[in-house]
Protein backbone atom coordinates (compact mmCIF):
# COMPACT_ATOMS: atom_id res chain seq x y z
CA MET A 1 0.00 0.00 0.00
CA ASN A 2 1.49 3.30 -1.08
CA VAL A 3 0.50 5.55 1.82
CA ALA A 4 1.71 8.69 0.07
CA PHE A 5 -1.10 8.23 -2.46
CA ILE A 6 -3.61 9.07 0.24
CA PHE A 7 -2.21 12.50 0.91
CA VAL A 8 -1.65 13.70 -2.66
CA PRO A 9 -4.52 14.60 -5.03
CA VAL A 10 -5.23 11.76 -7.45
CA ALA A 11 -5.19 14.00 -10.51
CA LEU A 12 -1.90 15.51 -9.41
CA THR A 13 0.29 12.50 -8.53
CA ARG A 14 1.31 12.14 -12.13
CA THR A 15 3.97 13.44 -14.49
CA MET A 16 3.39 15.65 -17.52
CA LYS A 17 1.90 12.59 -19.22
CA ASN A 18 -1.00 12.51 -16.81
CA PHE A 19 -1.64 16.23 -17.15
CA ALA A 20 -2.55 15.32 -20.73
CA LEU A 21 -4.84 12.60 -19.36
CA PHE A 22 -6.51 15.10 -17.06
CA SER A 23 -7.16 17.44 -19.98
CA LEU A 24 -8.47 14.55 -22.02
CA ALA A 25 -10.81 13.50 -19.24
CA ILE A 26 -12.43 16.93 -19.31
CA VAL A 27 -12.93 17.13 -23.04
CA THR A 28 -13.95 13.46 -23.31
CA SER A 29 -16.66 13.94 -20.68
CA LEU A 30 -18.20 16.62 -22.86
CA ALA A 31 -18.23 14.28 -25.82
CA VAL A 32 -19.72 11.38 -23.86
CA THR A 33 -22.52 13.46 -22.38
CA GLY A 34 -23.49 14.68 -25.79
CA CYS A 35 -22.72 18.37 -25.47
CA ASN A 36 -22.83 19.64 -29.04
CA LYS A 37 -21.05 22.94 -29.36
CA PRO A 38 -19.94 24.84 -32.44
CA ALA A 39 -16.45 23.88 -33.58
CA GLU A 40 -13.89 25.89 -31.66
CA SER A 41 -10.16 26.08 -32.11
CA VAL A 42 -7.38 25.44 -29.62
CA ALA A 43 -4.80 27.19 -31.79
CA VAL A 44 -4.42 28.90 -35.15
CA VAL A 45 -1.31 28.28 -37.29
CA ASN A 46 -0.75 30.80 -40.09
CA GLY A 47 -4.48 31.36 -40.33
CA GLU A 48 -5.37 27.65 -40.21
CA ALA A 49 -7.33 26.52 -37.15
CA ILE A 50 -6.63 23.42 -35.09
CA THR A 51 -10.13 22.57 -33.96
CA MET A 52 -11.22 21.07 -30.67
CA ASP A 53 -12.21 17.94 -32.60
CA ASP A 54 -8.65 17.70 -33.96
CA PHE A 55 -7.31 18.14 -30.46
CA ILE A 56 -9.54 15.47 -28.89
CA GLN A 57 -8.91 12.95 -31.65
CA HIS A 58 -5.15 13.36 -31.37
CA LEU A 59 -5.21 12.99 -27.58
CA LYS A 60 -7.21 9.77 -27.93
CA VAL A 61 -4.53 8.03 -29.99
CA LYS A 62 -1.33 9.93 -29.08
CA PRO A 63 1.37 7.19 -28.89
CA THR A 64 4.03 9.08 -26.93
CA VAL A 65 4.16 11.62 -24.11
CA LEU A 66 6.81 13.79 -22.48
CA VAL A 67 7.86 12.79 -18.97
CA VAL A 68 10.16 14.41 -16.40
CA ASP A 69 12.93 12.33 -14.78
CA ASN A 70 14.43 12.84 -11.32
CA ASN A 71 16.97 15.28 -12.72
CA GLY A 72 14.26 17.45 -14.21
CA ASN A 73 15.12 16.37 -17.74
CA VAL A 74 12.24 16.10 -20.17
CA GLY A 75 12.10 13.22 -22.66
CA PRO A 76 9.65 11.11 -24.68
CA ALA A 77 8.08 7.86 -23.46
CA ASN A 78 5.73 5.42 -25.14
CA VAL A 79 2.27 5.00 -23.63
CA ALA A 80 1.23 1.55 -22.40
CA GLU A 81 -2.37 2.10 -23.49
CA THR A 82 -4.02 4.92 -25.42
CA LEU A 83 -4.38 8.12 -23.45
CA SER A 84 -8.16 7.94 -23.74
CA PHE A 85 -8.18 4.44 -22.21
CA GLN A 86 -5.89 5.50 -19.37
CA ALA A 87 -8.04 8.56 -18.71
CA MET A 88 -11.14 6.38 -18.55
CA GLN A 89 -9.36 4.01 -16.14
CA ASP A 90 -8.54 6.89 -13.81
CA LEU A 91 -12.09 8.20 -13.83
CA ILE A 92 -13.63 4.74 -13.28
CA ASN A 93 -11.27 4.03 -10.37
CA GLN A 94 -12.11 7.37 -8.79
CA ARG A 95 -15.83 6.78 -9.18
CA ILE A 96 -15.55 3.32 -7.58
CA ILE A 97 -13.75 4.81 -4.56
CA LEU A 98 -16.39 7.54 -4.19
CA GLN A 99 -19.25 5.05 -4.47
CA LEU A 100 -17.74 2.66 -1.94
CA ALA A 101 -17.19 5.54 0.49
CA LYS A 102 -20.86 6.48 0.09
CA ASP A 103 -21.91 2.86 0.65
CA MET A 104 -19.84 2.72 3.85
CA LYS A 105 -21.13 6.13 4.98
CA VAL A 106 -17.65 7.65 5.13
CA GLU A 107 -18.00 10.03 2.18
CA PRO A 108 -16.25 13.33 3.01
CA THR A 109 -18.52 16.30 3.58
CA PRO A 110 -18.07 19.66 1.84
CA LYS A 111 -16.76 21.05 5.14
CA GLU A 112 -14.18 18.26 5.41
CA ILE A 113 -12.99 19.07 1.91
CA GLU A 114 -12.71 22.78 2.74
CA ASP A 115 -10.84 21.87 5.93
CA GLU A 116 -8.47 19.75 3.85
CA VAL A 117 -7.76 22.69 1.57
CA THR A 118 -6.97 24.83 4.62
CA TYR A 119 -4.71 22.11 6.04
CA ARG A 120 -2.80 21.73 2.77
CA LYS A 121 -2.32 25.51 2.56
CA LYS A 122 -0.93 25.56 6.11
CA ARG A 123 1.62 22.91 5.11
CA ASN A 124 2.37 24.68 1.84
CA PRO A 125 1.22 28.30 1.39
CA ASP A 126 1.63 27.95 -2.40
CA TYR A 127 -0.46 24.77 -2.56
CA ILE A 128 -3.46 26.21 -4.41
CA THR A 129 -1.50 28.75 -6.44
CA SER A 130 0.91 26.16 -7.80
CA LEU A 131 -1.94 23.90 -8.90
CA LEU A 132 -3.87 26.73 -10.52
CA GLU A 133 -0.74 27.63 -12.46
CA LYS A 134 -0.66 24.07 -13.80
CA GLY A 135 -4.10 24.56 -15.31
CA LEU A 136 -6.39 23.05 -12.68
CA THR A 137 -9.43 24.88 -11.41
CA LEU A 138 -10.34 25.17 -7.74
CA ALA A 139 -13.32 22.88 -8.39
CA ALA A 140 -11.03 20.24 -9.94
CA ILE A 141 -8.68 20.43 -6.96
CA LYS A 142 -11.57 19.89 -4.55
CA ASP A 143 -12.91 17.00 -6.63
CA SER A 144 -9.51 15.37 -6.47
CA LEU A 145 -9.28 15.91 -2.72
CA LYS A 146 -12.71 14.31 -2.33
CA VAL A 147 -11.34 11.12 -3.90
CA ASP A 148 -8.24 11.21 -1.69
CA LEU A 149 -10.25 11.74 1.47
CA SER A 150 -12.75 9.03 0.48
CA ARG A 151 -9.97 6.50 0.15
CA GLU A 152 -8.34 7.65 3.37
CA ASN A 153 -11.66 7.41 5.24
CA LEU A 154 -12.26 3.91 3.87
CA LEU A 155 -8.79 2.82 4.89
CA THR A 156 -8.76 4.37 8.37
CA HIS A 157 -12.38 3.89 9.43
CA SER A 158 -12.38 2.71 13.08
CA ILE A 159 -8.56 2.95 13.21
CA THR A 160 -7.18 5.09 16.06
CA VAL A 161 -3.72 6.50 16.76
CA THR A 162 -3.05 8.23 20.07
CA ASP A 163 -0.99 11.36 20.68
CA GLN A 164 1.39 9.18 22.70
CA GLU A 165 2.00 7.01 19.63
CA VAL A 166 2.77 10.11 17.59
CA ASP A 167 5.22 11.31 20.26
CA LYS A 168 6.93 7.92 20.22
CA TRP A 169 7.25 7.97 16.43
CA ILE A 170 8.77 11.46 16.47
CA LYS A 171 11.27 10.41 19.15
CA GLU A 172 12.29 7.33 17.16
CA HIS A 173 12.64 9.17 13.84
CA PRO A 174 14.63 12.38 14.48
CA GLU A 175 15.98 12.24 10.91
CA ALA A 176 12.49 13.03 9.60
CA PHE A 177 12.86 16.55 10.97
CA ILE A 178 16.27 17.39 9.58
CA GLN A 179 16.30 19.60 6.51
CA PRO A 180 19.09 18.18 4.35
CA ALA A 181 21.99 20.23 3.09
CA LEU A 182 20.89 22.04 -0.07
CA VAL A 183 22.87 23.27 -3.05
CA ASP A 184 21.81 25.88 -5.59
CA SER A 185 23.72 25.41 -8.82
CA LEU A 186 23.89 26.13 -12.53
CA TRP A 187 24.81 23.54 -15.12
CA ILE A 188 25.71 23.15 -18.76
CA PHE A 189 24.92 19.93 -20.60
CA VAL A 190 26.30 19.10 -24.06
CA LYS A 191 26.12 15.93 -26.10
CA ASP A 192 29.59 15.82 -27.67
CA GLU A 193 33.18 17.05 -27.63
CA ARG A 194 32.40 19.90 -29.99
CA GLY A 195 29.89 21.26 -27.51
CA LYS A 196 32.48 21.09 -24.75
CA ARG A 197 34.97 23.05 -26.84
CA ASP A 198 32.41 25.76 -27.62
CA VAL A 199 31.59 26.14 -23.94
CA GLU A 200 35.25 26.27 -22.86
CA ARG A 201 36.06 28.96 -25.44
CA ALA A 202 33.13 31.06 -24.23
CA LEU A 203 34.16 30.66 -20.58
CA GLN A 204 37.78 31.57 -21.33
CA ALA A 205 36.56 34.68 -23.17
CA GLY A 206 35.09 35.89 -19.88
CA GLY A 207 31.41 35.08 -20.33
CA SER A 208 29.34 34.39 -17.23
CA PHE A 209 28.41 30.79 -16.51
CA GLU A 210 24.69 31.65 -16.51
CA THR A 211 24.85 33.40 -19.89
CA ILE A 212 26.86 30.60 -21.46
CA ALA A 213 24.53 27.95 -20.01
CA SER A 214 21.54 29.75 -21.50
CA ARG A 215 23.25 29.89 -24.89
CA TYR A 216 25.10 26.60 -25.22
CA SER A 217 23.49 24.09 -22.84
CA GLU A 218 21.48 21.35 -24.51
CA ALA A 219 19.59 20.55 -21.32
CA PRO A 220 15.79 20.89 -21.65
CA ARG A 221 14.57 24.44 -21.00
CA ALA A 222 18.12 25.62 -20.30
CA LYS A 223 17.45 29.10 -21.68
CA GLU A 224 14.15 29.57 -19.83
CA MET A 225 15.72 28.43 -16.54
CA GLY A 226 18.89 30.45 -17.00
CA GLY A 227 20.98 27.29 -16.72
CA LYS A 228 19.66 26.49 -13.23
CA PHE A 229 20.00 22.83 -12.19
CA PRO A 230 16.47 21.72 -11.21
CA GLN A 231 17.37 19.67 -8.10
CA ASN A 232 18.87 21.34 -5.03
CA ASN A 233 19.00 18.23 -2.83
CA PRO A 234 22.05 16.16 -3.85
CA ALA A 235 20.59 13.02 -2.26
CA MET A 236 17.67 13.14 -4.69
CA VAL A 237 19.93 13.05 -7.76
CA PRO A 238 20.26 9.47 -9.04
CA ALA A 239 23.56 10.00 -10.91
CA LYS A 240 26.42 9.51 -8.42
CA GLU A 241 28.77 11.59 -10.59
CA ILE A 242 26.50 14.60 -10.19
CA GLN A 243 25.93 13.89 -6.50
CA ASP A 244 29.68 14.00 -5.88
CA ILE A 245 30.00 17.38 -7.60
CA LEU A 246 27.08 18.89 -5.71
CA LYS A 247 28.48 17.64 -2.41
CA THR A 248 32.15 18.59 -2.83
CA VAL A 249 32.68 21.61 -5.11
CA PRO A 250 32.92 24.83 -3.02
CA ALA A 251 30.40 27.64 -3.43
CA GLY A 252 31.47 30.14 -6.06
CA LYS A 253 33.47 27.53 -7.99
CA GLU A 254 32.80 25.55 -11.13
CA SER A 255 33.41 21.85 -11.58
CA GLY A 256 35.26 20.01 -14.28
CA TRP A 257 33.38 18.11 -16.95
CA VAL A 258 31.66 14.90 -15.88
CA GLN A 259 30.64 12.26 -18.40
CA LEU A 260 27.04 11.07 -18.24
CA SER A 261 25.30 8.33 -20.21
CA ASP A 262 24.16 10.72 -22.94
CA GLY A 263 26.70 13.53 -22.85
CA TRP A 264 28.82 15.80 -20.67
CA ALA A 265 27.97 18.18 -17.84
CA LYS A 266 29.71 21.02 -16.01
CA PHE A 267 28.40 22.74 -12.86
CA PHE A 268 28.79 26.07 -11.08
CA ILE A 269 27.93 26.01 -7.37
CA GLN A 270 26.10 29.19 -6.37
CA THR A 271 25.21 28.73 -2.68
CA ARG A 272 25.21 26.04 -0.03
CA THR A 273 22.71 25.76 2.82
CA PRO A 274 23.83 23.45 5.64
CA ALA A 275 21.53 20.83 7.12
CA LYS A 276 19.43 22.06 10.01
CA LYS A 277 16.85 20.80 12.46
CA MET A 278 13.28 21.72 11.60
CA GLU A 279 10.58 22.87 13.99
CA ILE A 280 7.83 20.28 14.52
CA LYS A 281 4.54 22.02 13.79
CA ASP A 282 0.97 21.01 14.56
CA THR A 283 0.44 20.25 10.88
CA ASP A 284 3.39 17.84 11.03
CA ARG A 285 1.83 16.00 13.92
CA ILE A 286 -1.47 15.77 12.06
CA PHE A 287 0.32 14.43 8.99
CA ILE A 288 2.16 11.81 11.06
CA LYS A 289 -1.02 10.71 12.80
CA ARG A 290 -2.84 10.35 9.48
CA ARG A 291 0.03 8.40 7.99
CA MET A 292 0.16 6.07 11.00
CA ARG A 293 -3.58 5.48 10.76
CA ALA A 294 -3.22 4.70 7.08
CA GLU A 295 -0.41 2.23 7.76
CA LYS A 296 -2.50 0.50 10.42
CA GLY A 297 -5.47 0.47 8.07
CA ALA A 298 -3.41 -1.07 5.28
CA VAL A 299 -2.60 -4.00 7.56
CA ALA A 300 -6.02 -4.42 9.14
CA SER A 301 -8.32 -3.51 6.25
CA ASP A 302 -9.51 -5.50 3.24
CA LEU A 303 -10.03 -2.26 1.35
CA GLU A 304 -8.22 -3.37 -1.78
CA LYS A 305 -10.37 -6.48 -2.05
CA ARG A 306 -13.54 -4.47 -1.49
CA LEU A 307 -12.58 -1.98 -4.18
CA ARG A 308 -11.68 -4.80 -6.56
CA ASP A 309 -14.97 -6.60 -5.88
CA LYS A 310 -16.98 -3.43 -6.39
CA LEU A 311 -15.16 -2.76 -9.65
CA GLN A 312 -15.87 -6.28 -10.91
CA ASN A 313 -19.53 -6.15 -9.90
CA ALA A 314 -20.13 -2.65 -11.21
CA LYS A 315 -22.34 -2.15 -14.23
CA ILE A 316 -20.06 -0.16 -16.49
CA THR A 317 -21.23 0.94 -19.92
CA VAL A 318 -18.55 2.38 -22.16
CA SER A 319 -20.05 4.84 -24.64
CA MET A 320 -17.02 5.62 -26.79
CA ARG A 321 -16.72 3.10 -29.62
CA GLU A 322 -12.92 3.10 -29.53
CA LEU A 323 -12.88 2.08 -25.85
CA LYS A 324 -15.50 -0.68 -25.79
CA LYS A 325 -13.38 -3.63 -26.92
CA PRO A 326 -10.26 -2.66 -24.93
CA TRP A 327 -12.42 -2.34 -21.82
CA GLU A 328 -14.11 -5.73 -22.36
CA ALA A 329 -10.71 -7.37 -22.80
CA ALA A 330 -9.42 -5.63 -19.67
CA VAL A 331 -12.36 -6.80 -17.57
CA GLU A 332 -11.83 -10.39 -18.68
CA ALA A 333 -8.14 -10.11 -17.85
CA LEU A 334 -8.98 -8.79 -14.38
CA LYS A 335 -11.41 -11.67 -13.73
CA ALA A 336 -8.83 -14.25 -14.79
CA GLN A 337 -6.18 -12.60 -12.64
CA THR A 338 -8.47 -12.53 -9.60
CA GLU A 339 -9.44 -16.17 -10.05
CA GLU A 340 -5.76 -17.16 -10.23
CA GLN A 341 -4.96 -15.15 -7.10
CA SER A 342 -7.82 -16.85 -5.24
CA ARG A 343 -6.60 -20.27 -6.34
CA VAL A 344 -2.99 -19.95 -5.14
CA LYS A 345 -3.45 -17.80 -2.04
CA SER A 346 -3.60 -19.51 1.35
CA PRO A 347 -3.27 -18.42 5.00
CA THR A 348 0.17 -20.05 5.24
CA ASP A 349 1.55 -18.74 1.93
CA GLU A 350 4.55 -16.72 3.12
CA SER A 351 5.18 -15.44 -0.40
CA SER A 352 1.89 -13.53 -0.35
CA SER A 353 2.20 -9.78 -0.14
CA PRO A 354 -0.38 -7.06 0.49
CA ASP A 355 -2.03 -5.58 -2.53
CA GLN A 356 -0.29 -2.40 -3.68
CA GLY A 357 -3.39 -0.64 -4.85
CA THR A 358 -6.53 -1.19 -6.88
CA THR A 359 -6.65 0.09 -10.40
CA ALA A 360 -9.00 -0.44 -13.27
CA PRO A 361 -7.88 -3.32 -15.53
CA THR A 362 -5.24 -2.38 -18.02
CA GLY A 363 -6.28 -4.49 -21.00
CA ASN A 364 -4.02 -6.34 -23.41
CA ARG A 365 -0.47 -5.08 -23.69
């Protein structure tokens, strides 16, 4: 059970790929409900309109998406299923969670949703603003929080965690309240030796690292970001070569070139912020208590089975012609998988592991 899922809005725990799914879910819902509107354009290229119909049709069959890796680099990735099918999966899963919460009488109230918004803003003052800037509306954020809270309520219903248990957890995990050492840096990435030579000539001519990074770096969005390296926590950078540079090069100095799998990189360390102990706030205690309740609920609850059963027993009618057959195949695959799991699972099977989460069937790969 991925506990973090409970505390992050469903529509927002995705990469750039899923932002496309979210957009598709909105426009697809209009098509499914039969809203007939005059053709409108999403863009105009040299006087030629790209219509909303063009946009929707392309999203439905788009074979690749852009994703962001841990270094902040943007690159293409193939989709496992069509974007329209994945969007439908998300929406069906969310509806199943909401319906089960209603059945169990743990559906969050409008006040609880508003309280959740307030709580998130206390933990992160930019919470709403940052999501609005990504294109979500306040209504969409609240709808997403309703799903999150429904799942959390289902998982933690009748589960209690005392203040004493929270105190004990805090005492046993002091590292959770240490802000790690942070490094602000600039970087230049090039793909070949020629790029390295161009950069070195520009640096020797007296150009600033930031200006040269904006001009010569082949890293995604280098110019827009002014050459800024997107990760300031060295521990979060998967490449050890980069980690070593961020940890050892003094502030105000530039590194030598380091070879990566797809090119070469050079860094300039701007500032260093040493690790420090963080104040434990009331919102931290609330977060810890909720996480502990969720962990207890994951052990004690049969939520995943209940969600899976409700999904299998649901009467689901797929209106879009392109999605009917993939959905039918996916449902059959889910039934076969569940039957196989029931056949091999036993109380003494030590190889059994808790379900990691219920999702709508994924169809044939």
